[in-house]
């Protein structure tokens, strides 16, 4: 899932934001979803989708290396 996030983060960010809006509408506090939206936003901002040609990293070690290069926090 984490490797796929590298290339799908922008879409997932929008999906989570829509879920968060629905939760608020029905009176549910979207505590965890806020964090998901922020994590996806940070991941999308690294532009890994373009850098990787739309293909996820081969494994989590490769993803960690990319995060380290991009100073992902």
N, C-alpha and C. Protein backbone atom coordinates (compact mmCIF):
# COMPACT_ATOMS: atom_id res chain seq x y z
N UNK A 1 0.83 -1.19 0.00
CA UNK A 1 0.00 0.00 0.00
C UNK A 1 0.88 1.25 0.00
N UNK A 2 1.92 1.26 0.82
CA UNK A 2 2.79 2.44 0.89
C UNK A 2 3.47 2.69 -0.45
N UNK A 3 3.93 1.64 -1.11
CA UNK A 3 4.59 1.81 -2.40
C UNK A 3 3.62 2.36 -3.43
N UNK A 4 2.40 1.87 -3.42
CA UNK A 4 1.39 2.37 -4.35
C UNK A 4 1.04 3.83 -4.07
N UNK A 5 1.12 4.24 -2.80
CA UNK A 5 0.87 5.65 -2.46
C UNK A 5 1.80 6.59 -3.22
N UNK A 6 3.00 6.13 -3.50
CA UNK A 6 3.97 6.98 -4.19
C UNK A 6 3.43 7.48 -5.52
N UNK A 7 2.60 6.67 -6.17
CA UNK A 7 2.07 7.08 -7.47
C UNK A 7 0.58 7.43 -7.44
N UNK A 8 -0.11 7.06 -6.38
CA UNK A 8 -1.56 7.31 -6.31
C UNK A 8 -1.95 8.32 -5.23
N UNK A 9 -0.98 8.98 -4.64
CA UNK A 9 -1.25 9.85 -3.49
C UNK A 9 -2.21 10.99 -3.81
N UNK A 10 -2.07 11.61 -4.96
CA UNK A 10 -2.94 12.76 -5.27
C UNK A 10 -4.41 12.33 -5.33
N UNK A 11 -4.68 11.24 -6.03
CA UNK A 11 -6.06 10.74 -6.12
C UNK A 11 -6.57 10.33 -4.75
N UNK A 12 -5.74 9.62 -3.99
CA UNK A 12 -6.15 9.17 -2.66
C UNK A 12 -6.38 10.35 -1.72
N UNK A 13 -5.60 11.40 -1.89
CA UNK A 13 -5.79 12.60 -1.08
C UNK A 13 -7.18 13.17 -1.32
N UNK A 14 -7.58 13.26 -2.59
CA UNK A 14 -8.91 13.79 -2.92
C UNK A 14 -10.02 12.88 -2.40
N UNK A 15 -9.83 11.58 -2.51
CA UNK A 15 -10.82 10.63 -2.01
C UNK A 15 -10.98 10.75 -0.50
N UNK A 16 -9.86 10.85 0.20
CA UNK A 16 -9.92 10.98 1.67
C UNK A 16 -10.55 12.31 2.07
N UNK A 17 -10.26 13.38 1.31
CA UNK A 17 -10.86 14.68 1.61
C UNK A 17 -12.38 14.63 1.43
N UNK A 18 -12.83 13.93 0.40
CA UNK A 18 -14.28 13.76 0.20
C UNK A 18 -14.89 12.97 1.34
N UNK A 19 -14.20 11.93 1.79
CA UNK A 19 -14.68 11.14 2.93
C UNK A 19 -14.75 12.00 4.18
N UNK A 20 -13.75 12.84 4.37
CA UNK A 20 -13.71 13.71 5.53
C UNK A 20 -14.89 14.69 5.51
N UNK A 21 -15.19 15.24 4.35
CA UNK A 21 -16.32 16.16 4.23
C UNK A 21 -17.63 15.45 4.57
N UNK A 22 -17.78 14.23 4.10
CA UNK A 22 -18.99 13.46 4.41
C UNK A 22 -19.09 13.18 5.90
N UNK A 23 -17.98 12.79 6.51
CA UNK A 23 -17.98 12.54 7.95
C UNK A 23 -18.43 13.77 8.73
N UNK A 24 -17.88 14.92 8.36
CA UNK A 24 -18.27 16.16 9.04
C UNK A 24 -19.75 16.43 8.85
N UNK A 25 -20.25 16.17 7.65
CA UNK A 25 -21.66 16.41 7.34
C UNK A 25 -22.59 15.58 8.22
N UNK A 26 -22.17 14.37 8.54
CA UNK A 26 -23.02 13.49 9.35
C UNK A 26 -22.66 13.53 10.83
N UNK A 27 -21.74 14.42 11.19
CA UNK A 27 -21.42 14.61 12.60
C UNK A 27 -20.33 13.71 13.16
N UNK A 28 -19.53 13.10 12.31
CA UNK A 28 -18.43 12.26 12.76
C UNK A 28 -17.14 13.08 12.72
N UNK A 29 -16.37 13.02 13.78
CA UNK A 29 -15.09 13.74 13.82
C UNK A 29 -14.07 12.93 13.01
N UNK A 30 -13.54 13.50 11.93
CA UNK A 30 -12.61 12.76 11.06
C UNK A 30 -11.16 12.84 11.54
N UNK A 31 -10.92 12.45 12.77
CA UNK A 31 -9.59 12.61 13.38
C UNK A 31 -8.49 11.91 12.57
N UNK A 32 -8.67 10.67 12.24
CA UNK A 32 -7.65 9.92 11.52
C UNK A 32 -7.58 10.37 10.06
N UNK A 33 -8.73 10.66 9.48
CA UNK A 33 -8.78 11.04 8.07
C UNK A 33 -8.02 12.34 7.82
N UNK A 34 -8.02 13.24 8.77
CA UNK A 34 -7.21 14.47 8.61
C UNK A 34 -5.75 14.12 8.38
N UNK A 35 -5.25 13.18 9.15
CA UNK A 35 -3.87 12.75 9.00
C UNK A 35 -3.61 12.07 7.66
N UNK A 36 -4.58 11.29 7.20
CA UNK A 36 -4.45 10.63 5.90
C UNK A 36 -4.35 11.68 4.79
N UNK A 37 -5.22 12.68 4.84
CA UNK A 37 -5.21 13.74 3.82
C UNK A 37 -3.85 14.45 3.82
N UNK A 38 -3.35 14.76 4.99
CA UNK A 38 -2.07 15.46 5.08
C UNK A 38 -0.92 14.58 4.58
N UNK A 39 -0.93 13.31 4.94
CA UNK A 39 0.12 12.40 4.47
C UNK A 39 0.09 12.27 2.96
N UNK A 40 -1.10 12.13 2.39
CA UNK A 40 -1.22 12.02 0.94
C UNK A 40 -0.78 13.32 0.25
N UNK A 41 -1.08 14.45 0.89
CA UNK A 41 -0.67 15.75 0.33
C UNK A 41 0.85 15.84 0.28
N UNK A 42 1.50 15.46 1.37
CA UNK A 42 2.97 15.49 1.41
C UNK A 42 3.58 14.53 0.39
N UNK A 43 2.99 13.36 0.28
CA UNK A 43 3.49 12.37 -0.66
C UNK A 43 3.31 12.85 -2.10
N UNK A 44 2.14 13.39 -2.42
CA UNK A 44 1.88 13.90 -3.78
C UNK A 44 2.84 15.04 -4.13
N UNK A 45 3.18 15.85 -3.15
CA UNK A 45 4.06 16.99 -3.39
C UNK A 45 5.48 16.56 -3.78
N UNK A 46 5.84 15.32 -3.52
CA UNK A 46 7.17 14.83 -3.90
C UNK A 46 7.27 14.53 -5.39
N UNK A 47 6.14 14.50 -6.09
CA UNK A 47 6.09 14.23 -7.53
C UNK A 47 6.72 12.90 -7.92
N UNK A 48 6.57 11.91 -7.06
CA UNK A 48 7.14 10.59 -7.36
C UNK A 48 6.42 9.92 -8.53
N UNK A 49 5.15 10.22 -8.71
CA UNK A 49 4.41 9.62 -9.82
C UNK A 49 5.11 9.90 -11.15
N UNK A 50 5.46 11.15 -11.35
CA UNK A 50 6.14 11.53 -12.59
C UNK A 50 7.55 10.95 -12.64
N UNK A 51 8.25 11.06 -11.52
CA UNK A 51 9.62 10.57 -11.46
C UNK A 51 9.72 9.07 -11.72
N UNK A 52 8.73 8.32 -11.25
CA UNK A 52 8.73 6.87 -11.39
C UNK A 52 7.98 6.39 -12.63
N UNK A 53 7.50 7.33 -13.43
CA UNK A 53 6.77 6.95 -14.63
C UNK A 53 5.46 6.24 -14.34
N UNK A 54 4.84 6.57 -13.21
CA UNK A 54 3.55 5.98 -12.85
C UNK A 54 3.63 4.58 -12.28
N UNK A 55 4.84 4.06 -12.06
CA UNK A 55 4.99 2.72 -11.50
C UNK A 55 5.50 2.82 -10.07
N UNK A 56 4.85 2.11 -9.14
CA UNK A 56 5.28 2.17 -7.74
C UNK A 56 6.71 1.66 -7.57
N UNK A 57 7.38 2.09 -6.49
CA UNK A 57 8.70 1.53 -6.18
C UNK A 57 8.59 0.01 -6.03
N UNK A 58 9.68 -0.70 -6.33
CA UNK A 58 9.64 -2.17 -6.31
C UNK A 58 9.45 -2.75 -4.92
N UNK A 59 9.90 -2.02 -3.90
CA UNK A 59 9.74 -2.50 -2.53
C UNK A 59 9.83 -1.31 -1.57
N UNK A 60 9.57 -1.60 -0.32
CA UNK A 60 9.53 -0.53 0.68
C UNK A 60 10.91 0.09 0.90
N UNK A 61 11.97 -0.68 0.71
CA UNK A 61 13.33 -0.12 0.86
C UNK A 61 13.57 0.96 -0.20
N UNK A 62 13.11 0.71 -1.42
CA UNK A 62 13.23 1.70 -2.49
C UNK A 62 12.41 2.95 -2.14
N UNK A 63 11.23 2.73 -1.59
CA UNK A 63 10.40 3.86 -1.18
C UNK A 63 11.09 4.68 -0.10
N UNK A 64 11.67 4.01 0.90
CA UNK A 64 12.39 4.72 1.97
C UNK A 64 13.56 5.53 1.41
N UNK A 65 14.27 4.94 0.43
CA UNK A 65 15.38 5.66 -0.20
C UNK A 65 14.88 6.93 -0.89
N UNK A 66 13.76 6.82 -1.58
CA UNK A 66 13.18 7.99 -2.25
C UNK A 66 12.75 9.04 -1.23
N UNK A 67 12.13 8.58 -0.14
CA UNK A 67 11.72 9.51 0.91
C UNK A 67 12.93 10.24 1.48
N UNK A 68 14.00 9.49 1.71
CA UNK A 68 15.20 10.07 2.27
C UNK A 68 15.77 11.14 1.31
N UNK A 69 15.82 10.82 0.03
CA UNK A 69 16.30 11.78 -0.97
C UNK A 69 15.46 13.06 -0.99
N UNK A 70 14.14 12.88 -0.84
CA UNK A 70 13.22 14.02 -0.90
C UNK A 70 13.03 14.68 0.47
N UNK A 71 13.70 14.14 1.49
CA UNK A 71 13.58 14.66 2.86
C UNK A 71 12.12 14.66 3.34
N UNK A 72 11.46 13.54 3.08
CA UNK A 72 10.06 13.35 3.48
C UNK A 72 9.98 13.25 4.99
N UNK A 73 9.07 14.01 5.57
CA UNK A 73 8.93 13.93 7.03
C UNK A 73 7.51 13.66 7.43
